[in-house]
Protein backbone atom coordinates (compact mmCIF):
# COMPACT_ATOMS: atom_id res chain seq x y z
CA UNK A 1 101.18 -61.04 58.01
CA UNK A 2 99.00 -63.01 60.46
CA UNK A 3 101.09 -63.38 63.60
CA UNK A 4 101.01 -66.73 65.43
CA UNK A 5 100.33 -66.77 69.18
CA UNK A 6 103.19 -65.36 71.21
CA UNK A 7 104.19 -62.49 68.97
CA UNK A 8 101.25 -60.07 69.16
CA UNK A 9 101.80 -56.59 70.50
CA UNK A 10 105.54 -56.67 69.98
CA UNK A 11 106.87 -53.18 70.41
CA UNK A 12 106.56 -51.79 73.91
CA UNK A 13 109.34 -49.25 74.18
CA UNK A 14 112.44 -47.88 72.51
CA UNK A 15 115.30 -46.21 74.31
CA UNK A 16 118.46 -44.57 73.07
CA UNK A 17 121.47 -46.78 73.72
CA UNK A 18 124.14 -45.36 75.99
CA UNK A 19 127.89 -45.32 75.32
CA UNK A 20 129.98 -44.99 72.20
CA UNK A 21 127.11 -46.03 69.89
CA UNK A 22 126.76 -44.00 66.71
CA UNK A 23 122.98 -43.96 66.43
CA UNK A 24 122.32 -47.39 67.92
CA UNK A 25 118.78 -47.87 69.20
CA UNK A 26 117.84 -50.46 71.83
CA UNK A 27 114.30 -51.68 71.08
CA UNK A 28 112.64 -53.66 73.84
CA UNK A 29 110.13 -56.15 72.46
CA UNK A 30 108.28 -58.64 74.66
CA UNK A 31 106.31 -61.36 72.91
CA UNK A 32 104.18 -63.61 75.10
CA UNK A 33 106.29 -66.53 76.27
CA UNK A 34 104.26 -69.36 74.70
CA UNK A 35 105.04 -72.19 72.28
CA UNK A 36 102.63 -73.39 69.61
CA UNK A 37 102.61 -76.97 68.38
CA UNK A 38 103.06 -76.89 64.61
CA UNK A 39 100.14 -78.52 62.82
CA UNK A 40 100.90 -81.97 61.47
CA UNK A 41 104.15 -82.52 63.38
CA UNK A 42 104.81 -85.35 65.81
CA UNK A 43 105.44 -85.06 69.55
CA UNK A 44 109.23 -85.08 69.10
CA UNK A 45 109.19 -81.94 66.95
CA UNK A 46 109.92 -78.59 68.58
CA UNK A 47 107.12 -76.05 68.61
CA UNK A 48 107.02 -72.54 67.22
CA UNK A 49 108.14 -70.15 69.95
CA UNK A 50 108.14 -67.01 67.80
CA UNK A 51 108.17 -65.68 64.26
CA UNK A 52 109.29 -62.28 62.97
CA UNK A 53 109.23 -60.71 59.55
CA UNK A 54 111.97 -58.50 58.07
CA UNK A 55 109.51 -56.19 56.31
CA UNK A 56 107.54 -55.64 59.52
CA UNK A 57 110.62 -54.93 61.63
CA UNK A 58 112.07 -52.48 59.12
CA UNK A 59 108.78 -50.91 58.11
CA UNK A 60 109.63 -51.51 54.44
CA UNK A 61 107.77 -54.01 52.27
CA UNK A 62 110.93 -54.98 50.36
CA UNK A 63 113.19 -55.43 53.42
CA UNK A 64 115.00 -58.76 53.80
CA UNK A 65 117.34 -60.53 56.23
CA UNK A 66 121.00 -60.78 55.23
CA UNK A 67 124.04 -62.33 56.90
CA UNK A 68 126.45 -59.65 58.16
CA UNK A 69 129.45 -61.69 56.94
CA UNK A 70 129.12 -60.50 53.35
CA UNK A 71 128.84 -56.85 54.37
CA UNK A 72 126.42 -54.26 52.99
CA UNK A 73 128.56 -52.59 50.32
CA UNK A 74 126.95 -55.04 47.87
CA UNK A 75 123.86 -57.20 48.21
CA UNK A 76 125.05 -60.79 47.91
CA UNK A 77 121.56 -62.09 48.58
CA UNK A 78 122.55 -64.50 51.37
CA UNK A 79 120.08 -64.72 54.24
CA UNK A 80 121.50 -65.45 57.66
CA UNK A 81 122.89 -64.25 60.96
CA UNK A 82 125.91 -64.49 63.23
CA UNK A 83 125.11 -66.51 66.36
CA UNK A 84 126.37 -64.76 69.50
CA UNK A 85 125.16 -66.78 72.46
CA UNK A 86 121.53 -65.85 73.03
CA UNK A 87 121.66 -63.08 70.41
CA UNK A 88 121.30 -63.59 66.68
CA UNK A 89 122.91 -60.67 64.80
CA UNK A 90 121.50 -60.04 61.34
CA UNK A 91 121.23 -57.25 58.78
CA UNK A 92 117.89 -56.02 57.48
CA UNK A 93 117.74 -53.88 54.36
CA UNK A 94 115.77 -53.31 51.18
CA UNK A 95 116.96 -54.64 47.85
CA UNK A 96 118.73 -52.08 45.70
CA UNK A 97 120.37 -52.18 42.30
CA UNK A 98 123.60 -53.51 43.78
CA UNK A 99 123.66 -52.67 47.50
CA UNK A 100 121.13 -52.93 50.31
CA UNK A 101 119.18 -49.73 50.91
CA UNK A 102 119.18 -48.41 54.48
CA UNK A 103 120.82 -51.50 56.00
CA UNK A 104 120.41 -51.88 59.76
CA UNK A 105 122.17 -54.32 62.08
CA UNK A 106 119.74 -56.08 64.44
CA UNK A 107 120.32 -58.05 67.61
CA UNK A 108 117.49 -60.60 68.00
CA UNK A 109 116.85 -62.47 71.25
CA UNK A 110 117.08 -66.16 70.37
CA UNK A 111 114.56 -67.24 73.03
CA UNK A 112 111.77 -64.73 72.40
CA UNK A 113 112.39 -63.15 68.98
CA UNK A 114 112.49 -59.74 70.64
CA UNK A 115 114.60 -57.04 69.04
CA UNK A 116 117.25 -56.22 71.62
CA UNK A 117 118.80 -53.40 69.57
CA UNK A 118 119.38 -52.09 66.08
CA UNK A 119 121.99 -49.77 64.59
CA UNK A 120 123.13 -48.50 61.22
CA UNK A 121 125.02 -51.01 59.08
CA UNK A 122 125.71 -48.79 56.08
CA UNK A 123 129.02 -49.06 54.22
CA UNK A 124 130.34 -52.34 55.62
CA UNK A 125 132.80 -54.37 53.55
CA UNK A 126 132.27 -57.50 55.64
CA UNK A 127 132.16 -58.92 59.16
CA UNK A 128 133.77 -61.81 61.04
CA UNK A 129 131.54 -64.87 61.30
CA UNK A 130 132.36 -65.27 65.01
CA UNK A 131 132.07 -62.61 67.74
CA UNK A 132 135.14 -61.68 69.74
CA UNK A 133 135.43 -59.85 73.10
CA UNK A 134 131.69 -59.22 73.23
CA UNK A 135 131.51 -57.62 69.79
CA UNK A 136 130.66 -58.49 66.23
CA UNK A 137 133.56 -56.90 64.35
CA UNK A 138 133.20 -55.57 60.81
CA UNK A 139 135.28 -53.38 58.48
CA UNK A 140 134.27 -50.44 56.34
CA UNK A 141 133.92 -50.69 52.57
CA UNK A 142 136.95 -49.90 50.43
CA UNK A 143 135.50 -46.60 49.21
CA UNK A 144 134.60 -45.29 52.65
CA UNK A 145 137.01 -42.80 54.17
CA UNK A 146 138.54 -42.91 56.66
CA UNK A 147 138.76 -46.72 56.91
CA UNK A 148 137.87 -48.29 60.23
CA UNK A 149 137.04 -51.44 62.11
CA UNK A 150 133.46 -51.28 63.42
CA UNK A 151 132.40 -53.22 66.50
CA UNK A 152 128.78 -53.88 67.49
CA UNK A 153 128.31 -54.70 71.18
CA UNK A 154 126.42 -57.99 71.34
CA UNK A 155 124.25 -56.91 74.29
CA UNK A 156 123.48 -53.27 73.42
CA UNK A 157 124.41 -52.64 69.79
CA UNK A 158 126.71 -49.81 70.88
CA UNK A 159 129.20 -49.06 68.10
CA UNK A 160 132.97 -48.81 68.57
CA UNK A 161 135.08 -47.51 65.69
CA UNK A 162 138.83 -48.10 65.47
CA UNK A 163 140.49 -45.94 62.81
CA UNK A 164 143.08 -47.71 60.63
CA UNK A 165 145.00 -46.97 57.45
CA UNK A 166 144.70 -50.47 55.96
CA UNK A 167 142.88 -51.75 52.91
CA UNK A 168 141.15 -54.71 54.56
CA UNK A 169 139.90 -57.65 52.48
CA UNK A 170 139.50 -60.39 55.10
CA UNK A 171 138.39 -60.69 58.71
CA UNK A 172 138.10 -63.65 61.07
CA UNK A 173 137.90 -64.26 64.80
CA UNK A 174 138.24 -67.01 67.33
CA UNK A 175 137.38 -66.95 71.03
CA UNK A 176 139.79 -64.23 72.05
CA UNK A 177 141.52 -62.84 68.95
CA UNK A 178 140.69 -60.84 65.88
CA UNK A 179 142.54 -61.63 62.62
CA UNK A 180 142.75 -59.00 59.88
CA UNK A 181 144.04 -59.52 56.32
CA UNK A 182 144.97 -56.34 54.48
CA UNK A 183 147.16 -54.98 51.70
CA UNK A 184 147.33 -54.89 47.90
CA UNK A 185 146.38 -58.35 46.67
CA UNK A 186 147.29 -57.51 43.06
CA UNK A 187 150.89 -56.76 44.08
CA UNK A 188 151.24 -59.79 46.39
CA UNK A 189 151.83 -57.38 49.28
CA UNK A 190 149.59 -58.84 51.94
CA UNK A 191 149.74 -58.78 55.73
CA UNK A 192 147.83 -60.58 58.46
CA UNK A 193 147.48 -59.09 61.95
CA UNK A 194 146.23 -60.62 65.20
CA UNK A 195 144.88 -58.45 67.95
CA UNK A 196 141.73 -56.88 69.34
CA UNK A 197 139.11 -54.43 68.16
CA UNK A 198 140.89 -51.61 70.01
CA UNK A 199 144.37 -52.67 68.82
CA UNK A 200 144.13 -55.02 65.81
CA UNK A 201 147.89 -55.72 65.74
CA UNK A 202 148.36 -56.17 69.48
CA UNK A 203 149.60 -59.77 69.23
CA UNK A 204 151.51 -59.98 65.93
CA UNK A 205 151.78 -58.90 62.28
CA UNK A 206 153.13 -61.01 59.38
CA UNK A 207 153.67 -60.44 55.66
CA UNK A 208 152.65 -63.08 53.10
CA UNK A 209 153.68 -63.18 49.43
CA UNK A 210 150.32 -64.30 48.00
CA UNK A 211 147.81 -62.44 45.88
CA UNK A 212 145.12 -62.44 43.23
CA UNK A 213 142.87 -60.01 41.38
CA UNK A 214 140.47 -57.92 43.45
CA UNK A 215 137.54 -59.50 41.60
CA UNK A 216 138.57 -62.93 42.93
CA UNK A 217 138.66 -62.00 46.62
CA UNK A 218 135.79 -63.38 48.70
CA UNK A 219 134.85 -63.14 52.36
CA UNK A 220 136.39 -66.53 53.23
CA UNK A 221 140.06 -65.80 52.52
CA UNK A 222 140.97 -66.39 56.19
CA UNK A 223 140.26 -69.62 58.07
CA UNK A 224 141.11 -69.70 61.79
CA UNK A 225 138.43 -72.16 62.91
CA UNK A 226 140.26 -75.49 62.63
CA UNK A 227 143.36 -75.21 64.81
CA UNK A 228 145.66 -73.24 62.51
CA UNK A 229 145.46 -70.18 60.30
CA UNK A 230 145.08 -70.58 56.54
CA UNK A 231 145.24 -67.67 54.10
CA UNK A 232 144.05 -68.47 50.58
CA UNK A 233 144.41 -66.00 47.71
CA UNK A 234 144.40 -66.90 44.03
CA UNK A 235 146.89 -69.67 43.37
CA UNK A 236 148.50 -69.49 46.80
CA UNK A 237 147.80 -71.05 50.19
CA UNK A 238 149.74 -70.17 53.34
CA UNK A 239 149.46 -71.75 56.77
CA UNK A 240 150.39 -69.91 59.95
CA UNK A 241 150.45 -70.43 63.71
CA UNK A 242 147.48 -68.72 65.36
CA UNK A 243 149.38 -67.78 68.52
CA UNK A 244 152.55 -66.38 66.95
CA UNK A 245 151.72 -65.74 63.31
CA UNK A 246 154.74 -67.77 62.29
CA UNK A 247 154.40 -69.11 58.71
CA UNK A 248 154.24 -72.92 58.75
CA UNK A 249 153.78 -73.94 55.10
CA UNK A 250 152.80 -72.83 51.60
CA UNK A 251 151.02 -74.69 48.79
CA UNK A 252 149.74 -74.00 45.29
CA UNK A 253 146.21 -74.00 43.91
CA UNK A 254 146.51 -74.65 40.18
CA UNK A 255 143.79 -73.96 37.62
CA UNK A 256 140.43 -73.63 39.34
CA UNK A 257 141.40 -75.76 42.33
CA UNK A 258 140.00 -75.12 45.79
CA UNK A 259 140.88 -75.79 49.42
CA UNK A 260 138.98 -76.04 52.68
CA UNK A 261 140.11 -76.33 56.26
CA UNK A 262 138.63 -79.09 58.35
CA UNK A 263 138.81 -80.81 61.72
CA UNK A 264 142.14 -80.96 63.60
CA UNK A 265 143.97 -78.47 61.33
CA UNK A 266 143.79 -80.54 58.15
CA UNK A 267 143.34 -78.94 54.72
CA UNK A 268 141.69 -80.73 51.80
CA UNK A 269 142.96 -79.42 48.46
CA UNK A 270 140.81 -80.42 45.47
CA UNK A 271 142.34 -80.27 41.98
CA UNK A 272 139.83 -78.83 39.51
CA UNK A 273 140.25 -78.07 35.82
CA UNK A 274 138.86 -74.71 34.69
CA UNK A 275 135.66 -74.91 32.58
CA UNK A 276 137.42 -74.23 29.28
CA UNK A 277 139.82 -77.16 29.65
CA UNK A 278 137.70 -79.91 31.22
CA UNK A 279 136.14 -82.79 29.21
CA UNK A 280 132.48 -82.45 28.29
CA UNK A 281 130.22 -83.73 31.07
CA UNK A 282 133.05 -83.73 33.61
CA UNK A 283 132.94 -81.93 36.95
CA UNK A 284 136.58 -80.97 36.31
CA UNK A 285 137.88 -82.76 39.39
CA UNK A 286 141.04 -84.74 38.87
CA UNK A 287 141.95 -85.64 42.43
CA UNK A 288 142.69 -84.24 45.85
CA UNK A 289 145.25 -84.07 48.66
CA UNK A 290 145.03 -83.88 52.42
CA UNK A 291 147.64 -81.56 53.97
CA UNK A 292 148.48 -81.68 57.67
CA UNK A 293 149.32 -78.67 59.85
CA UNK A 294 152.90 -78.65 58.54
CA UNK A 295 151.87 -78.69 54.87
CA UNK A 296 152.93 -82.33 54.49
CA UNK A 297 150.78 -84.38 52.09
CA UNK A 298 149.02 -86.81 54.39
CA UNK A 299 147.11 -88.59 51.62
CA UNK A 300 146.28 -88.06 47.96
CA UNK A 301 144.18 -89.52 45.18
CA UNK A 302 143.96 -89.11 41.42
CA UNK A 303 140.30 -90.14 41.42
CA UNK A 304 137.59 -87.76 40.22
CA UNK A 305 135.45 -89.08 43.09
CA UNK A 306 136.21 -86.22 45.45
CA UNK A 307 133.40 -85.29 47.79
CA UNK A 308 131.64 -82.10 48.79
CA UNK A 309 131.82 -82.29 52.58
CA UNK A 310 128.88 -80.35 53.98
CA UNK A 311 129.97 -80.72 57.60
CA UNK A 312 132.96 -82.47 59.21
CA UNK A 313 132.45 -83.01 62.94
CA UNK A 314 134.03 -86.33 63.90
CA UNK A 315 133.97 -87.57 67.46
CA UNK A 316 137.73 -87.02 67.71
CA UNK A 317 140.95 -87.40 65.69
CA UNK A 318 140.66 -91.20 65.73
CA UNK A 319 137.78 -90.97 63.23
CA UNK A 320 139.25 -91.12 59.70
CA UNK A 321 138.73 -88.56 56.94
CA UNK A 322 137.14 -89.54 53.61
CA UNK A 323 138.82 -89.05 50.25
CA UNK A 324 137.57 -90.78 47.06
CA UNK A 325 136.72 -94.41 47.99
CA UNK A 326 138.92 -94.61 51.10
CA UNK A 327 139.14 -93.41 54.69
CA UNK A 328 142.50 -92.12 55.90
CA UNK A 329 143.86 -91.80 59.41
CA UNK A 330 143.85 -88.10 60.33
CA UNK A 331 147.17 -88.43 62.14
CA UNK A 332 149.45 -90.47 59.86
CA UNK A 333 147.54 -90.81 56.57
CA UNK A 334 147.31 -94.60 56.55
CA UNK A 335 144.32 -96.16 54.79
CA UNK A 336 141.87 -97.39 57.41
CA UNK A 337 139.29 -98.88 55.03
CA UNK A 338 137.93 -98.70 51.47
CA UNK A 339 134.32 -98.72 50.29
CA UNK A 340 133.46 -98.69 46.55
CA UNK A 341 130.14 -96.93 47.28
CA UNK A 342 132.15 -93.76 47.81
CA UNK A 343 133.59 -93.86 44.28
CA UNK A 344 130.90 -92.04 42.28
CA UNK A 345 131.28 -92.00 38.49
CA UNK A 346 130.38 -90.02 35.37
CA UNK A 347 131.06 -86.66 36.93
CA UNK A 348 128.61 -87.26 39.79
CA UNK A 349 129.47 -85.53 43.06
CA UNK A 350 128.70 -87.25 46.35
CA UNK A 351 127.80 -84.92 49.21
CA UNK A 352 129.05 -86.05 52.60
CA UNK A 353 128.40 -85.08 56.20
CA UNK A 354 130.71 -86.61 58.83
CA UNK A 355 128.83 -86.61 62.15
CA UNK A 356 130.49 -88.21 65.16
CA UNK A 357 131.38 -91.75 64.10
CA UNK A 358 128.88 -91.92 61.22
CA UNK A 359 128.63 -90.31 57.81
CA UNK A 360 125.67 -89.37 55.67
CA UNK A 361 126.20 -89.87 51.93
CA UNK A 362 123.83 -87.96 49.65
CA UNK A 363 123.72 -89.22 46.06
CA UNK A 364 121.19 -87.10 44.16
CA UNK A 365 121.76 -88.92 40.87
CA UNK A 366 121.04 -92.35 42.35
CA UNK A 367 118.30 -90.96 44.59
CA UNK A 368 119.73 -92.43 47.79
CA UNK A 369 120.94 -91.40 51.21
CA UNK A 370 123.28 -93.82 53.00
CA UNK A 371 124.56 -94.06 56.55
CA UNK A 372 128.13 -95.27 56.93
CA UNK A 373 130.12 -96.37 59.99
CA UNK A 374 133.22 -94.19 59.87
CA UNK A 375 135.26 -96.54 62.05
CA UNK A 376 134.77 -99.59 59.80
CA UNK A 377 133.37 -98.37 56.47
CA UNK A 378 130.36 -100.68 56.83
CA UNK A 379 126.97 -99.52 55.61
CA UNK A 380 124.57 -98.81 58.47
CA UNK A 381 121.48 -98.21 56.33
CA UNK A 382 120.38 -97.01 52.88
CA UNK A 383 117.20 -95.26 51.81
CA UNK A 384 115.72 -94.21 48.49
CA UNK A 385 114.77 -90.54 48.52
CA UNK A 386 114.53 -87.47 46.33
CA UNK A 387 114.84 -85.11 49.26
CA UNK A 388 118.37 -83.80 49.73
CA UNK A 389 118.87 -80.91 52.11
CA UNK A 390 121.61 -78.89 53.75
CA UNK A 391 122.96 -80.28 57.03
CA UNK A 392 123.03 -77.37 59.48
CA UNK A 393 123.59 -78.78 62.95
CA UNK A 394 124.75 -81.91 64.75
CA UNK A 395 124.32 -82.19 68.52
CA UNK A 396 125.78 -85.66 69.01
CA UNK A 397 122.42 -87.36 68.47
CA UNK A 398 120.43 -85.65 65.70
CA UNK A 399 121.34 -83.94 62.46
CA UNK A 400 118.97 -81.16 61.36
CA UNK A 401 118.58 -80.41 57.65
CA UNK A 402 116.62 -77.95 55.54
CA UNK A 403 115.38 -77.55 51.99
CA UNK A 404 112.75 -75.33 50.40
CA UNK A 405 109.98 -77.53 51.84
CA UNK A 406 110.97 -77.44 55.50
CA UNK A 407 113.21 -78.67 58.31
CA UNK A 408 113.74 -82.25 59.45
CA UNK A 409 115.91 -84.16 61.91
CA UNK A 410 117.40 -87.61 61.35
CA UNK A 411 119.44 -90.08 63.34
CA UNK A 412 122.62 -90.73 61.28
CA UNK A 413 123.04 -94.19 62.81
CA UNK A 414 119.61 -95.50 61.80
CA UNK A 415 118.35 -93.15 59.08
CA UNK A 416 115.13 -92.61 61.05
CA UNK A 417 113.41 -89.25 60.59
CA UNK A 418 112.81 -88.07 64.16
CA UNK A 419 110.72 -85.03 63.24
CA UNK A 420 109.68 -83.07 60.17
CA UNK A 421 108.42 -79.46 60.07
CA UNK A 422 106.91 -78.30 56.75
CA UNK A 423 107.37 -74.57 56.23
CA UNK A 424 103.79 -74.25 55.00
CA UNK A 425 102.60 -75.24 58.49
CA UNK A 426 104.69 -72.66 60.33
CA UNK A 427 102.77 -69.51 59.39
CA UNK A 428 100.73 -67.90 56.64
CA UNK A 429 103.26 -65.28 55.58
CA UNK A 430 102.55 -63.72 52.16
CA UNK A 431 105.99 -64.86 51.01
CA UNK A 432 106.46 -68.60 51.72
CA UNK A 433 109.44 -69.59 53.85
CA UNK A 434 112.31 -71.05 51.82
CA UNK A 435 115.72 -72.56 52.54
CA UNK A 436 118.07 -70.52 54.73
CA UNK A 437 120.35 -70.71 57.79
CA UNK A 438 119.72 -72.63 61.02
CA UNK A 439 121.57 -72.92 64.30
CA UNK A 440 120.93 -74.81 67.55
CA UNK A 441 121.24 -72.39 70.47
CA UNK A 442 120.68 -75.03 73.18
CA UNK A 443 119.47 -78.62 73.27
CA UNK A 444 116.43 -78.86 71.01
CA UNK A 445 116.16 -75.08 70.57
CA UNK A 446 116.73 -73.63 67.11
CA UNK A 447 116.71 -70.36 65.22
CA UNK A 448 116.12 -70.37 61.47
CA UNK A 449 115.93 -67.59 58.93
CA UNK A 450 115.40 -67.17 55.23
CA UNK A 451 115.29 -63.81 53.44
CA UNK A 452 111.88 -62.80 54.80
CA UNK A 453 111.08 -64.74 57.98
CA UNK A 454 113.01 -65.68 61.12
CA UNK A 455 111.59 -68.27 63.50
CA UNK A 456 112.44 -69.72 66.89
CA UNK A 457 111.74 -73.38 67.70
CA UNK A 458 111.73 -74.81 71.23
CA UNK A 459 110.78 -78.16 72.81
CA UNK A 460 107.12 -78.43 73.71
CA UNK A 461 107.77 -79.88 77.16
């Protein structure tokens, strides 16, 4: 790989980490602190501050970046990291038949791309997607004995192991608490605990009568990020109070239905027919409900025009929530406005991003992107395009998206493209950069990774 300016002569020293670390190594890497303007971009675009390659860091040609959330017991193929302030925590390992070979957890400095530390990540069943108490917390794979919670210190990589006798299948965290789901899902004997890495049931423990087959369990069974706890297993949903663990409501998920938590403790439940029973050409969606934090149905629709909401970050609870062709008050469920442009037909799915008081509507079949005023339902702008990306971040002014061609930022109120960074202009890596994960670490400063390359972008001035 031909390194861009600012990342030559990376490795200066390596020292053994001190403390309870089980083989953690702190690697001090000091790229030159310079930013390169990316060829062909305008003055508003951030420049390339640094670029690192998974194969180079690991010393293995087949090594790739992986998100820690999915664990290392199997290789789910998802590139990414967990953002922990100024440290991006990622796994690097080589592709194997089913699991990553020699997986290592890395702490990457978001400003410089320097490796702050790395440590073994073998045998992890999964990790929380949010750090807690200065640690990224993971759990050991089901076959590993004895079972344990494994904490990686964000600053040093030092490892803390807490022995447990639970069969963990879900892990989540908020600012000051760790939430652990464990038990036998096939017997509907499930418990959720709230505590810390050192004492995972320090705050409370509750039993829940929900379950499913082990093959149906994924890493997102616990949601604690929207103001209440939601446990989803198989055909059952259960809400609980984050502070006390007290159960607040239950609901069913029939057929192949799904649910997602969203802003201000609301849950959107989408009714979906399983593939074998849906009409030909249909997306299987027959309607949806919005449940409030008590499980009460706030709004519902029998329309197939239910949306895939990529990101839901309204200004506040006065901004309505979209369902089919209408916008509903998030507090009492009243219809605030209706817009027929939201009612897609013929099995088409409209992708939506709610950003402040505006929404982006992506209609790939019609080849359009539309900006909508969420307070009134009026169209702000509409553009013909065949470029539809993933919305990653929203800072109150710009939304940043990615696809396999690059990154770009738009103003949701006007539809203007503020800057555009083609991946082919970033570097000349043997493997071209593709779509991946992006986060904004501070105003105008971003970290992006795909499977092979991680880059840092910073303002030029």
